[in-house]
């Protein structure tokens, strides 16, 4: 026999204490009687009670308590096979780590807000696998598909605008890299593109259309403001400077809502702008949960059957029997009434 909660069995050590309490209660009744009557009358008044039935009730009560303790310890015996299947959706988050994500129009800056949003998204997942792709001028798999959310958080926290040492922004390449992470058996594929939408390669729409042919849905999450911002840089001497183009003019980066909307629409998805309330994350989750979930893993377990019900049923029968036992002697009562 095995037990699911074996430490509960230590409560059986209380049974002797319970017996001592019953004995002390009997002595206490006798002392209370002697407080208002002479001791010699005690046995006379106790004649109407059956000591055997009183003892039997106590035995049944204590035995029932023992069975309840054993039931609480969850006794198990008899093996059974159980197949556990995981159901979920495979999701790839493609996050922009180009230099424009250092812009501070979204506090503290775009990249940090993007990481906060995705971190919240990961916290809401239940059984789904997730991967993280970082992209700038090229793409890099930061975290492969996994349901280990702690590991995903760790890889996400390591991201910054120095993760991919390649200038530019290639959203189309990130989509293609994301598609490659899905297996052939995936019926539904979800890609979340987190970016300010500035695509220097201008191939994202074609990549999104190709992804749609492979049953992928793309949701785009816009990080930044339409008003835009400069891109702060730290010089070698520690001073703050601003990114400039080849002509020496300061670069001004804006959220490209139109491009991100077209990317999402090309793959049957939706565009969501970032908000302080982070409601867009829950809206994306609501859309994802409407998708049929796939069985992507299954394991066989051998476990012992729970048998506590037999002990609990026995305890209930003993308690019921205890309540039906009458401790008064019928003949003694009838004789006292006639006299």
C-alpha atoms as a PDB file:
ATOM      1  CA  UNK A   1       0.000   0.000   0.000  1.00  0.00           C
ATOM      2  CA  UNK A   2       1.198   3.508  -0.850  1.00  0.00           C
ATOM      3  CA  UNK A   3      -0.009   6.847   0.455  1.00  0.00           C
ATOM      4  CA  UNK A   4      -0.431  10.146  -1.380  1.00  0.00           C
ATOM      5  CA  UNK A   5      -0.119  12.153   1.858  1.00  0.00           C
ATOM      6  CA  UNK A   6       1.891   9.874   4.156  1.00  0.00           C
ATOM      7  CA  UNK A   7       2.620  12.632   6.681  1.00  0.00           C
ATOM      8  CA  UNK A   8      -1.081  12.647   7.629  1.00  0.00           C
ATOM      9  CA  UNK A   9      -0.479   9.249   9.270  1.00  0.00           C
ATOM     10  CA  UNK A  10       1.416  11.015  12.061  1.00  0.00           C
ATOM     11  CA  UNK A  11      -2.015  12.062  13.301  1.00  0.00           C
ATOM     12  CA  UNK A  12      -2.483   8.453  14.455  1.00  0.00           C
ATOM     13  CA  UNK A  13      -0.166   9.366  17.323  1.00  0.00           C
ATOM     14  CA  UNK A  14      -3.043  11.448  18.671  1.00  0.00           C
ATOM     15  CA  UNK A  15      -5.243   8.378  19.194  1.00  0.00           C
ATOM     16  CA  UNK A  16      -3.750   7.489  22.638  1.00  0.00           C
ATOM     17  CA  UNK A  17      -4.219  11.124  23.650  1.00  0.00           C
ATOM     18  CA  UNK A  18      -7.844  10.855  22.579  1.00  0.00           C
ATOM     19  CA  UNK A  19      -8.307   7.772  24.779  1.00  0.00           C
ATOM     20  CA  UNK A  20      -6.762   9.629  27.712  1.00  0.00           C
ATOM     21  CA  UNK A  21      -9.168  12.506  27.079  1.00  0.00           C
ATOM     22  CA  UNK A  22     -12.141  10.093  27.191  1.00  0.00           C
ATOM     23  CA  UNK A  23     -10.934   8.710  30.548  1.00  0.00           C
ATOM     24  CA  UNK A  24     -10.411  12.220  31.921  1.00  0.00           C
ATOM     25  CA  UNK A  25     -13.891  13.222  30.782  1.00  0.00           C
ATOM     26  CA  UNK A  26     -15.364  10.336  32.762  1.00  0.00           C
ATOM     27  CA  UNK A  27     -13.503  11.426  35.897  1.00  0.00           C
ATOM     28  CA  UNK A  28     -14.575  15.039  35.321  1.00  0.00           C
ATOM     29  CA  UNK A  29     -18.252  13.978  35.199  1.00  0.00           C
ATOM     30  CA  UNK A  30     -17.828  12.174  38.482  1.00  0.00           C
ATOM     31  CA  UNK A  31     -16.227  15.217  40.147  1.00  0.00           C
ATOM     32  CA  UNK A  32     -18.997  17.481  38.849  1.00  0.00           C
ATOM     33  CA  UNK A  33     -21.600  15.090  40.285  1.00  0.00           C
ATOM     34  CA  UNK A  34     -19.855  15.065  43.666  1.00  0.00           C
ATOM     35  CA  UNK A  35     -19.942  18.869  43.729  1.00  0.00           C
ATOM     36  CA  UNK A  36     -23.704  18.834  44.355  1.00  0.00           C
ATOM     37  CA  UNK A  37     -24.358  15.308  45.738  1.00  0.00           C
ATOM     38  CA  UNK A  38     -22.687  12.784  47.998  1.00  0.00           C
ATOM     39  CA  UNK A  39     -20.307  10.337  46.233  1.00  0.00           C
ATOM     40  CA  UNK A  40     -22.335   7.312  47.412  1.00  0.00           C
ATOM     41  CA  UNK A  41     -25.216   8.380  45.169  1.00  0.00           C
ATOM     42  CA  UNK A  42     -23.087   8.384  42.016  1.00  0.00           C
ATOM     43  CA  UNK A  43     -23.266   4.621  41.356  1.00  0.00           C
ATOM     44  CA  UNK A  44     -27.000   4.670  42.054  1.00  0.00           C
ATOM     45  CA  UNK A  45     -27.715   7.239  39.358  1.00  0.00           C
ATOM     46  CA  UNK A  46     -25.280   5.568  36.938  1.00  0.00           C
ATOM     47  CA  UNK A  47     -27.243   2.297  37.117  1.00  0.00           C
ATOM     48  CA  UNK A  48     -29.541   3.480  34.328  1.00  0.00           C
ATOM     49  CA  UNK A  49     -26.585   3.694  31.938  1.00  0.00           C
ATOM     50  CA  UNK A  50     -25.028   0.735  30.158  1.00  0.00           C
ATOM     51  CA  UNK A  51     -21.262   0.888  30.634  1.00  0.00           C
ATOM     52  CA  UNK A  52     -20.843  -1.647  27.851  1.00  0.00           C
ATOM     53  CA  UNK A  53     -22.744   0.516  25.372  1.00  0.00           C
ATOM     54  CA  UNK A  54     -20.855   3.620  26.501  1.00  0.00           C
ATOM     55  CA  UNK A  55     -17.536   1.850  25.925  1.00  0.00           C
ATOM     56  CA  UNK A  56     -18.749   0.507  22.570  1.00  0.00           C
ATOM     57  CA  UNK A  57     -19.682   4.017  21.412  1.00  0.00           C
ATOM     58  CA  UNK A  58     -16.223   5.265  22.368  1.00  0.00           C
ATOM     59  CA  UNK A  59     -14.548   2.375  20.534  1.00  0.00           C
ATOM     60  CA  UNK A  60     -16.605   3.021  17.387  1.00  0.00           C
ATOM     61  CA  UNK A  61     -15.852   6.750  17.554  1.00  0.00           C
ATOM     62  CA  UNK A  62     -12.092   6.235  17.896  1.00  0.00           C
ATOM     63  CA  UNK A  63     -12.039   3.543  15.209  1.00  0.00           C
ATOM     64  CA  UNK A  64     -13.922   5.856  12.840  1.00  0.00           C
ATOM     65  CA  UNK A  65     -11.335   8.556  13.533  1.00  0.00           C
ATOM     66  CA  UNK A  66      -8.528   6.125  12.651  1.00  0.00           C
ATOM     67  CA  UNK A  67     -10.190   5.258   9.337  1.00  0.00           C
ATOM     68  CA  UNK A  68     -10.717   8.966   8.516  1.00  0.00           C
ATOM     69  CA  UNK A  69      -7.018   9.675   9.132  1.00  0.00           C
ATOM     70  CA  UNK A  70      -6.036   6.801   6.849  1.00  0.00           C
ATOM     71  CA  UNK A  71      -8.474   8.074   4.185  1.00  0.00           C
ATOM     72  CA  UNK A  72      -6.948  11.576   4.425  1.00  0.00           C
ATOM     73  CA  UNK A  73      -3.512  10.014   3.808  1.00  0.00           C
ATOM     74  CA  UNK A  74      -4.862   8.842   0.418  1.00  0.00           C
ATOM     75  CA  UNK A  75      -4.078   5.092   0.393  1.00  0.00           C
ATOM     76  CA  UNK A  76      -3.305   3.669  -3.037  1.00  0.00           C
ATOM     77  CA  UNK A  77      -2.933   0.214  -4.515  1.00  0.00           C
ATOM     78  CA  UNK A  78      -3.589  -1.379  -7.878  1.00  0.00           C
ATOM     79  CA  UNK A  79      -1.754   0.057 -10.933  1.00  0.00           C
ATOM     80  CA  UNK A  80      -3.435   1.733 -13.904  1.00  0.00           C
ATOM     81  CA  UNK A  81      -2.111   3.213 -17.138  1.00  0.00           C
ATOM     82  CA  UNK A  82      -2.841   6.886 -17.862  1.00  0.00           C
ATOM     83  CA  UNK A  83      -2.061   8.725 -21.089  1.00  0.00           C
ATOM     84  CA  UNK A  84      -1.625  12.479 -20.677  1.00  0.00           C
ATOM     85  CA  UNK A  85      -1.797  14.555 -23.820  1.00  0.00           C
ATOM     86  CA  UNK A  86      -0.702  18.175 -23.978  1.00  0.00           C
ATOM     87  CA  UNK A  87      -2.786  20.478 -26.092  1.00  0.00           C
ATOM     88  CA  UNK A  88      -1.673  23.881 -27.261  1.00  0.00           C
ATOM     89  CA  UNK A  89      -0.669  26.159 -30.072  1.00  0.00           C
ATOM     90  CA  UNK A  90       2.843  26.863 -31.281  1.00  0.00           C
ATOM     91  CA  UNK A  91       3.570  30.594 -31.187  1.00  0.00           C
ATOM     92  CA  UNK A  92       6.630  32.432 -32.468  1.00  0.00           C
ATOM     93  CA  UNK A  93       7.294  35.974 -31.272  1.00  0.00           C
ATOM     94  CA  UNK A  94       9.488  37.936 -33.695  1.00  0.00           C
ATOM     95  CA  UNK A  95      10.799  40.971 -31.845  1.00  0.00           C
ATOM     96  CA  UNK A  96      12.531  43.918 -33.468  1.00  0.00           C
ATOM     97  CA  UNK A  97      15.928  44.683 -31.901  1.00  0.00           C
ATOM     98  CA  UNK A  98      17.129  47.239 -34.441  1.00  0.00           C
ATOM     99  CA  UNK A  99      18.593  50.559 -33.274  1.00  0.00           C
ATOM    100  CA  UNK A 100      15.278  52.349 -33.767  1.00  0.00           C
ATOM    101  CA  UNK A 101      13.931  50.318 -30.803  1.00  0.00           C
ATOM    102  CA  UNK A 102      16.117  52.472 -28.528  1.00  0.00           C
ATOM    103  CA  UNK A 103      13.819  55.434 -29.219  1.00  0.00           C
ATOM    104  CA  UNK A 104      12.255  56.866 -26.067  1.00  0.00           C
ATOM    105  CA  UNK A 105       8.840  57.976 -27.372  1.00  0.00           C
ATOM    106  CA  UNK A 106       7.549  54.976 -25.388  1.00  0.00           C
ATOM    107  CA  UNK A 107       8.976  54.963 -21.868  1.00  0.00           C
ATOM    108  CA  UNK A 108      11.507  53.820 -20.852  1.00  0.00           C
ATOM    109  CA  UNK A 109      12.210  52.946 -24.494  1.00  0.00           C
ATOM    110  CA  UNK A 110      10.680  50.824 -27.227  1.00  0.00           C
ATOM    111  CA  UNK A 111      12.737  47.680 -26.671  1.00  0.00           C
ATOM    112  CA  UNK A 112      12.038  47.565 -22.927  1.00  0.00           C
ATOM    113  CA  UNK A 113       8.323  48.135 -23.427  1.00  0.00           C
ATOM    114  CA  UNK A 114       8.286  45.404 -26.068  1.00  0.00           C
ATOM    115  CA  UNK A 115       9.942  42.989 -23.647  1.00  0.00           C
ATOM    116  CA  UNK A 116       7.442  43.924 -20.924  1.00  0.00           C
ATOM    117  CA  UNK A 117       4.529  43.231 -23.272  1.00  0.00           C
ATOM    118  CA  UNK A 118       5.862  39.839 -24.355  1.00  0.00           C
ATOM    119  CA  UNK A 119       6.708  38.920 -20.762  1.00  0.00           C
ATOM    120  CA  UNK A 120       3.083  39.577 -19.793  1.00  0.00           C
ATOM    121  CA  UNK A 121       1.961  37.527 -22.791  1.00  0.00           C
ATOM    122  CA  UNK A 122       4.108  34.557 -21.707  1.00  0.00           C
ATOM    123  CA  UNK A 123       2.669  34.741 -18.181  1.00  0.00           C
ATOM    124  CA  UNK A 124      -0.831  34.189 -19.591  1.00  0.00           C
ATOM    125  CA  UNK A 125       0.026  31.071 -21.627  1.00  0.00           C
ATOM    126  CA  UNK A 126      -1.260  27.672 -20.523  1.00  0.00           C
ATOM    127  CA  UNK A 127       0.123  24.651 -22.348  1.00  0.00           C
ATOM    128  CA  UNK A 128       1.170  26.501 -25.502  1.00  0.00           C
ATOM    129  CA  UNK A 129       4.727  26.376 -26.829  1.00  0.00           C
ATOM    130  CA  UNK A 130       6.497  29.619 -27.627  1.00  0.00           C
ATOM    131  CA  UNK A 131       9.676  30.654 -29.450  1.00  0.00           C
ATOM    132  CA  UNK A 132      11.459  33.986 -29.690  1.00  0.00           C
ATOM    133  CA  UNK A 133      13.110  35.301 -32.851  1.00  0.00           C
ATOM    134  CA  UNK A 134      15.188  38.487 -32.626  1.00  0.00           C
ATOM    135  CA  UNK A 135      15.659  40.479 -35.820  1.00  0.00           C
ATOM    136  CA  UNK A 136      17.299  43.590 -37.184  1.00  0.00           C
ATOM    137  CA  UNK A 137      19.126  43.437 -40.553  1.00  0.00           C
ATOM    138  CA  UNK A 138      19.006  39.652 -40.177  1.00  0.00           C
ATOM    139  CA  UNK A 139      17.149  37.209 -37.915  1.00  0.00           C
ATOM    140  CA  UNK A 140      18.347  35.072 -35.037  1.00  0.00           C
ATOM    141  CA  UNK A 141      16.508  32.360 -33.053  1.00  0.00           C
ATOM    142  CA  UNK A 142      16.851  33.551 -29.476  1.00  0.00           C
ATOM    143  CA  UNK A 143      14.728  30.733 -28.022  1.00  0.00           C
ATOM    144  CA  UNK A 144      13.377  27.634 -29.849  1.00  0.00           C
ATOM    145  CA  UNK A 145       9.831  26.351 -29.356  1.00  0.00           C
ATOM    146  CA  UNK A 146       9.338  25.328 -25.738  1.00  0.00           C
ATOM    147  CA  UNK A 147       6.727  25.166 -22.987  1.00  0.00           C
ATOM    148  CA  UNK A 148       9.379  26.032 -20.392  1.00  0.00           C
ATOM    149  CA  UNK A 149       8.198  29.576 -19.736  1.00  0.00           C
ATOM    150  CA  UNK A 150      10.948  30.285 -17.200  1.00  0.00           C
ATOM    151  CA  UNK A 151      13.576  29.642 -19.870  1.00  0.00           C
ATOM    152  CA  UNK A 152      11.661  31.836 -22.324  1.00  0.00           C
ATOM    153  CA  UNK A 153      11.629  34.678 -19.800  1.00  0.00           C
ATOM    154  CA  UNK A 154      15.375  34.291 -19.326  1.00  0.00           C
ATOM    155  CA  UNK A 155      16.126  34.475 -23.059  1.00  0.00           C
ATOM    156  CA  UNK A 156      13.733  37.395 -23.468  1.00  0.00           C
ATOM    157  CA  UNK A 157      15.460  39.387 -20.719  1.00  0.00           C
ATOM    158  CA  UNK A 158      18.783  39.013 -22.548  1.00  0.00           C
ATOM    159  CA  UNK A 159      17.509  40.862 -25.604  1.00  0.00           C
ATOM    160  CA  UNK A 160      18.703  44.377 -26.434  1.00  0.00           C
ATOM    161  CA  UNK A 161      19.575  46.352 -29.547  1.00  0.00           C
ATOM    162  CA  UNK A 162      23.054  44.767 -29.563  1.00  0.00           C
ATOM    163  CA  UNK A 163      21.703  41.187 -29.804  1.00  0.00           C
ATOM    164  CA  UNK A 164      21.794  41.113 -33.606  1.00  0.00           C
ATOM    165  CA  UNK A 165      24.973  42.864 -34.873  1.00  0.00           C
ATOM    166  CA  UNK A 166      23.453  43.742 -38.233  1.00  0.00           C
ATOM    167  CA  UNK A 167      22.083  47.179 -39.073  1.00  0.00           C
ATOM    168  CA  UNK A 168      18.719  47.612 -40.734  1.00  0.00           C
ATOM    169  CA  UNK A 169      15.272  46.075 -40.249  1.00  0.00           C
ATOM    170  CA  UNK A 170      14.156  43.004 -42.184  1.00  0.00           C
ATOM    171  CA  UNK A 171      10.657  42.048 -41.036  1.00  0.00           C
ATOM    172  CA  UNK A 172      10.188  39.714 -44.015  1.00  0.00           C
ATOM    173  CA  UNK A 173      13.288  37.742 -43.043  1.00  0.00           C
ATOM    174  CA  UNK A 174      11.978  37.455 -39.478  1.00  0.00           C
ATOM    175  CA  UNK A 175       8.682  36.029 -40.758  1.00  0.00           C
ATOM    176  CA  UNK A 176      10.522  33.478 -42.897  1.00  0.00           C
ATOM    177  CA  UNK A 177      12.716  32.501 -39.930  1.00  0.00           C
ATOM    178  CA  UNK A 178       9.606  32.114 -37.787  1.00  0.00           C
ATOM    179  CA  UNK A 179       7.892  29.846 -40.328  1.00  0.00           C
ATOM    180  CA  UNK A 180      10.942  27.579 -40.365  1.00  0.00           C
ATOM    181  CA  UNK A 181      10.482  26.909 -36.636  1.00  0.00           C
ATOM    182  CA  UNK A 182       7.110  25.245 -37.181  1.00  0.00           C
ATOM    183  CA  UNK A 183       6.884  21.558 -37.991  1.00  0.00           C
ATOM    184  CA  UNK A 184       5.025  20.141 -40.953  1.00  0.00           C
ATOM    185  CA  UNK A 185       2.404  18.659 -38.612  1.00  0.00           C
ATOM    186  CA  UNK A 186       1.361  22.079 -37.299  1.00  0.00           C
ATOM    187  CA  UNK A 187      -2.179  22.740 -38.455  1.00  0.00           C
ATOM    188  CA  UNK A 188      -2.223  26.230 -36.993  1.00  0.00           C
ATOM    189  CA  UNK A 189       0.747  28.570 -36.724  1.00  0.00           C
ATOM    190  CA  UNK A 190       0.777  31.903 -34.907  1.00  0.00           C
ATOM    191  CA  UNK A 191       3.413  34.604 -35.405  1.00  0.00           C
ATOM    192  CA  UNK A 192       3.483  37.817 -33.388  1.00  0.00           C
ATOM    193  CA  UNK A 193       5.605  40.537 -34.941  1.00  0.00           C
ATOM    194  CA  UNK A 194       6.667  43.145 -32.374  1.00  0.00           C
ATOM    195  CA  UNK A 195       8.134  46.161 -34.133  1.00  0.00           C
ATOM    196  CA  UNK A 196       7.890  49.871 -34.874  1.00  0.00           C
ATOM    197  CA  UNK A 197       7.094  48.838 -38.458  1.00  0.00           C
ATOM    198  CA  UNK A 198      10.009  50.513 -40.230  1.00  0.00           C
ATOM    199  CA  UNK A 199      10.960  47.868 -42.796  1.00  0.00           C
ATOM    200  CA  UNK A 200      14.073  48.761 -44.759  1.00  0.00           C
ATOM    201  CA  UNK A 201      13.930  45.628 -46.930  1.00  0.00           C
ATOM    202  CA  UNK A 202      10.261  46.096 -47.916  1.00  0.00           C
ATOM    203  CA  UNK A 203       9.635  42.389 -48.419  1.00  0.00           C
ATOM    204  CA  UNK A 204       7.429  41.802 -45.374  1.00  0.00           C
ATOM    205  CA  UNK A 205       4.111  41.811 -47.254  1.00  0.00           C
ATOM    206  CA  UNK A 206       5.259  39.055 -49.626  1.00  0.00           C
ATOM    207  CA  UNK A 207       6.623  37.030 -46.700  1.00  0.00           C
ATOM    208  CA  UNK A 208       3.323  37.430 -44.832  1.00  0.00           C
ATOM    209  CA  UNK A 209       1.344  36.226 -47.861  1.00  0.00           C
ATOM    210  CA  UNK A 210       3.594  33.181 -48.149  1.00  0.00           C
ATOM    211  CA  UNK A 211       3.137  32.512 -44.427  1.00  0.00           C
ATOM    212  CA  UNK A 212      -0.647  32.620 -44.895  1.00  0.00           C
ATOM    213  CA  UNK A 213      -0.362  29.880 -47.533  1.00  0.00           C
ATOM    214  CA  UNK A 214       1.239  27.730 -44.840  1.00  0.00           C
ATOM    215  CA  UNK A 215      -1.709  28.272 -42.435  1.00  0.00           C
ATOM    216  CA  UNK A 216       0.092  30.918 -40.380  1.00  0.00           C
ATOM    217  CA  UNK A 217      -1.728  33.811 -38.731  1.00  0.00           C
ATOM    218  CA  UNK A 218       0.290  36.958 -38.050  1.00  0.00           C
ATOM    219  CA  UNK A 219      -0.539  39.482 -35.341  1.00  0.00           C
ATOM    220  CA  UNK A 220       1.503  42.681 -35.387  1.00  0.00           C
ATOM    221  CA  UNK A 221       2.129  44.659 -32.215  1.00  0.00           C
ATOM    222  CA  UNK A 222       3.182  48.259 -32.864  1.00  0.00           C
ATOM    223  CA  UNK A 223       5.806  49.685 -30.513  1.00  0.00           C
ATOM    224  CA  UNK A 224       6.266  53.451 -30.753  1.00  0.00           C
ATOM    225  CA  UNK A 225       4.244  56.567 -31.469  1.00  0.00           C
ATOM    226  CA  UNK A 226       3.094  58.082 -34.788  1.00  0.00           C
ATOM    227  CA  UNK A 227       4.754  61.340 -33.712  1.00  0.00           C
ATOM    228  CA  UNK A 228       8.095  59.566 -33.550  1.00  0.00           C
ATOM    229  CA  UNK A 229      11.352  60.220 -31.737  1.00  0.00           C
ATOM    230  CA  UNK A 230      15.092  60.506 -32.188  1.00  0.00           C
ATOM    231  CA  UNK A 231      17.342  57.505 -31.464  1.00  0.00           C
ATOM    232  CA  UNK A 232      19.740  58.147 -28.563  1.00  0.00           C
ATOM    233  CA  UNK A 233      23.217  56.660 -28.746  1.00  0.00           C
ATOM    234  CA  UNK A 234      26.018  56.550 -26.208  1.00  0.00           C
ATOM    235  CA  UNK A 235      29.347  57.781 -27.557  1.00  0.00           C
ATOM    236  CA  UNK A 236      32.753  56.336 -26.648  1.00  0.00           C
ATOM    237  CA  UNK A 237      33.259  59.008 -23.989  1.00  0.00           C
ATOM    238  CA  UNK A 238      29.850  58.290 -22.415  1.00  0.00           C
ATOM    239  CA  UNK A 239      27.960  61.259 -23.828  1.00  0.00           C
ATOM    240  CA  UNK A 240      24.496  60.947 -25.333  1.00  0.00           C
ATOM    241  CA  UNK A 241      24.301  61.535 -29.057  1.00  0.00           C
ATOM    242  CA  UNK A 242      21.600  60.876 -31.651  1.00  0.00           C
ATOM    243  CA  UNK A 243      21.644  58.580 -34.659  1.00  0.00           C
ATOM    244  CA  UNK A 244      22.293  60.290 -37.991  1.00  0.00           C
ATOM    245  CA  UNK A 245      21.923  59.261 -41.615  1.00  0.00           C
ATOM    246  CA  UNK A 246      24.627  59.301 -44.281  1.00  0.00           C
ATOM    247  CA  UNK A 247      24.002  63.026 -44.888  1.00  0.00           C
ATOM    248  CA  UNK A 248      24.635  63.846 -41.247  1.00  0.00           C
ATOM    249  CA  UNK A 249      20.986  64.603 -40.458  1.00  0.00           C
ATOM    250  CA  UNK A 250      19.476  63.312 -37.202  1.00  0.00           C
ATOM    251  CA  UNK A 251      17.296  60.262 -37.839  1.00  0.00           C
ATOM    252  CA  UNK A 252      13.660  60.540 -36.758  1.00  0.00           C
ATOM    253  CA  UNK A 253      11.832  57.207 -36.311  1.00  0.00           C
ATOM    254  CA  UNK A 254       8.038  56.822 -36.303  1.00  0.00           C
ATOM    255  CA  UNK A 255       5.601  53.988 -35.760  1.00  0.00           C
ATOM    256  CA  UNK A 256       4.534  52.761 -39.194  1.00  0.00           C
ATOM    257  CA  UNK A 257       0.939  51.720 -38.532  1.00  0.00           C
ATOM    258  CA  UNK A 258       0.137  51.264 -42.216  1.00  0.00           C
ATOM    259  CA  UNK A 259       2.938  48.764 -42.843  1.00  0.00           C
ATOM    260  CA  UNK A 260       2.202  46.710 -39.715  1.00  0.00           C
ATOM    261  CA  UNK A 261      -1.505  46.622 -40.571  1.00  0.00           C
ATOM    262  CA  UNK A 262      -0.794  45.389 -44.100  1.00  0.00           C
ATOM    263  CA  UNK A 263       1.526  42.672 -42.757  1.00  0.00           C
ATOM    264  CA  UNK A 264      -1.120  41.399 -40.352  1.00  0.00           C
ATOM    265  CA  UNK A 265      -3.959  41.586 -42.889  1.00  0.00           C
ATOM    266  CA  UNK A 266      -1.877  39.647 -45.439  1.00  0.00           C
ATOM    267  CA  UNK A 267      -1.795  36.681 -43.041  1.00  0.00           C
ATOM    268  CA  UNK A 268      -5.390  36.812 -41.719  1.00  0.00           C
ATOM    269  CA  UNK A 269      -4.338  38.554 -38.503  1.00  0.00           C
ATOM    270  CA  UNK A 270      -4.738  41.960 -36.898  1.00  0.00           C
ATOM    271  CA  UNK A 271      -2.644  44.959 -35.948  1.00  0.00           C
ATOM    272  CA  UNK A 272      -2.589  46.076 -32.300  1.00  0.00           C
ATOM    273  CA  UNK A 273      -0.978  49.314 -31.114  1.00  0.00           C
ATOM    274  CA  UNK A 274       0.692  49.268 -27.713  1.00  0.00           C
ATOM    275  CA  UNK A 275      -1.377  50.855 -24.924  1.00  0.00           C
ATOM    276  CA  UNK A 276      -0.583  51.725 -21.290  1.00  0.00           C
ATOM    277  CA  UNK A 277      -3.338  49.337 -20.173  1.00  0.00           C
ATOM    278  CA  UNK A 278      -1.712  46.452 -22.115  1.00  0.00           C
ATOM    279  CA  UNK A 279      -5.199  45.413 -23.248  1.00  0.00           C
ATOM    280  CA  UNK A 280      -3.844  44.445 -26.666  1.00  0.00           C
ATOM    281  CA  UNK A 281      -2.035  41.452 -25.121  1.00  0.00           C
ATOM    282  CA  UNK A 282      -5.292  40.017 -23.801  1.00  0.00           C
ATOM    283  CA  UNK A 283      -7.016  40.707 -27.118  1.00  0.00           C
ATOM    284  CA  UNK A 284      -4.302  38.759 -28.952  1.00  0.00           C
ATOM    285  CA  UNK A 285      -4.700  35.931 -26.437  1.00  0.00           C
ATOM    286  CA  UNK A 286      -8.460  35.937 -26.959  1.00  0.00           C
ATOM    287  CA  UNK A 287      -7.959  35.591 -30.708  1.00  0.00           C
ATOM    288  CA  UNK A 288      -5.414  32.815 -30.250  1.00  0.00           C
ATOM    289  CA  UNK A 289      -7.674  30.876 -27.870  1.00  0.00           C
ATOM    290  CA  UNK A 290     -10.337  30.766 -30.569  1.00  0.00           C
ATOM    291  CA  UNK A 291      -7.990  28.674 -32.681  1.00  0.00           C
ATOM    292  CA  UNK A 292      -8.308  24.897 -32.392  1.00  0.00           C
ATOM    293  CA  UNK A 293      -5.479  23.589 -30.229  1.00  0.00           C
ATOM    294  CA  UNK A 294      -3.262  20.756 -31.445  1.00  0.00           C
ATOM    295  CA  UNK A 295      -2.020  17.722 -29.552  1.00  0.00           C
ATOM    296  CA  UNK A 296       1.734  18.133 -29.740  1.00  0.00           C
ATOM    297  CA  UNK A 297       2.887  15.767 -27.013  1.00  0.00           C
ATOM    298  CA  UNK A 298       1.681  12.762 -25.075  1.00  0.00           C
ATOM    299  CA  UNK A 299       3.134  10.687 -22.267  1.00  0.00           C
ATOM    300  CA  UNK A 300       2.161   7.433 -20.610  1.00  0.00           C
ATOM    301  CA  UNK A 301       2.102   7.271 -16.826  1.00  0.00           C
ATOM    302  CA  UNK A 302       1.636   4.283 -14.538  1.00  0.00           C
ATOM    303  CA  UNK A 303      -0.060   5.317 -11.335  1.00  0.00           C
ATOM    304  CA  UNK A 304      -1.638   3.620  -8.349  1.00  0.00           C
ATOM    305  CA  UNK A 305      -5.403   3.843  -7.930  1.00  0.00           C
ATOM    306  CA  UNK A 306      -6.815   6.036  -5.175  1.00  0.00           C
ATOM    307  CA  UNK A 307      -8.586   3.785  -2.614  1.00  0.00           C
ATOM    308  CA  UNK A 308      -9.442   6.278   0.144  1.00  0.00           C
ATOM    309  CA  UNK A 309     -13.170   5.849  -0.497  1.00  0.00           C
ATOM    310  CA  UNK A 310     -13.225   2.438   1.205  1.00  0.00           C
ATOM    311  CA  UNK A 311     -11.759   3.827   4.404  1.00  0.00           C
ATOM    312  CA  UNK A 312     -14.020   6.872   4.301  1.00  0.00           C
ATOM    313  CA  UNK A 313     -17.100   4.711   3.778  1.00  0.00           C
ATOM    314  CA  UNK A 314     -16.102   2.490   6.705  1.00  0.00           C
ATOM    315  CA  UNK A 315     -15.659   5.556   8.918  1.00  0.00           C
ATOM    316  CA  UNK A 316     -19.122   6.830   7.968  1.00  0.00           C
ATOM    317  CA  UNK A 317     -20.708   3.442   8.762  1.00  0.00           C
ATOM    318  CA  UNK A 318     -18.996   3.370  12.163  1.00  0.00           C
ATOM    319  CA  UNK A 319     -20.160   6.906  12.959  1.00  0.00           C
ATOM    320  CA  UNK A 320     -23.711   6.069  11.914  1.00  0.00           C
ATOM    321  CA  UNK A 321     -23.654   2.910  14.060  1.00  0.00           C
ATOM    322  CA  UNK A 322     -22.331   4.929  17.014  1.00  0.00           C
ATOM    323  CA  UNK A 323     -25.272   7.344  16.818  1.00  0.00           C
ATOM    324  CA  UNK A 324     -27.783   4.457  16.850  1.00  0.00           C
ATOM    325  CA  UNK A 325     -26.495   2.893  20.071  1.00  0.00           C
ATOM    326  CA  UNK A 326     -28.625   3.745  23.132  1.00  0.00           C
ATOM    327  CA  UNK A 327     -26.716   3.892  26.402  1.00  0.00           C
ATOM    328  CA  UNK A 328     -29.707   3.866  28.779  1.00  0.00           C
ATOM    329  CA  UNK A 329     -30.949   0.527  30.098  1.00  0.00           C
ATOM    330  CA  UNK A 330     -34.566   0.130  29.152  1.00  0.00           C
ATOM    331  CA  UNK A 331     -35.459  -2.250  31.981  1.00  0.00           C
ATOM    332  CA  UNK A 332     -33.903  -0.060  34.636  1.00  0.00           C
ATOM    333  CA  UNK A 333     -35.826   2.945  33.351  1.00  0.00           C
ATOM    334  CA  UNK A 334     -39.145   1.056  33.344  1.00  0.00           C
ATOM    335  CA  UNK A 335     -38.548  -0.184  36.892  1.00  0.00           C
ATOM    336  CA  UNK A 336     -37.754   3.324  38.140  1.00  0.00           C
ATOM    337  CA  UNK A 337     -40.914   4.690  36.463  1.00  0.00           C
ATOM    338  CA  UNK A 338     -43.144   1.955  38.049  1.00  0.00           C
ATOM    339  CA  UNK A 339     -41.676   2.527  41.459  1.00  0.00           C
END
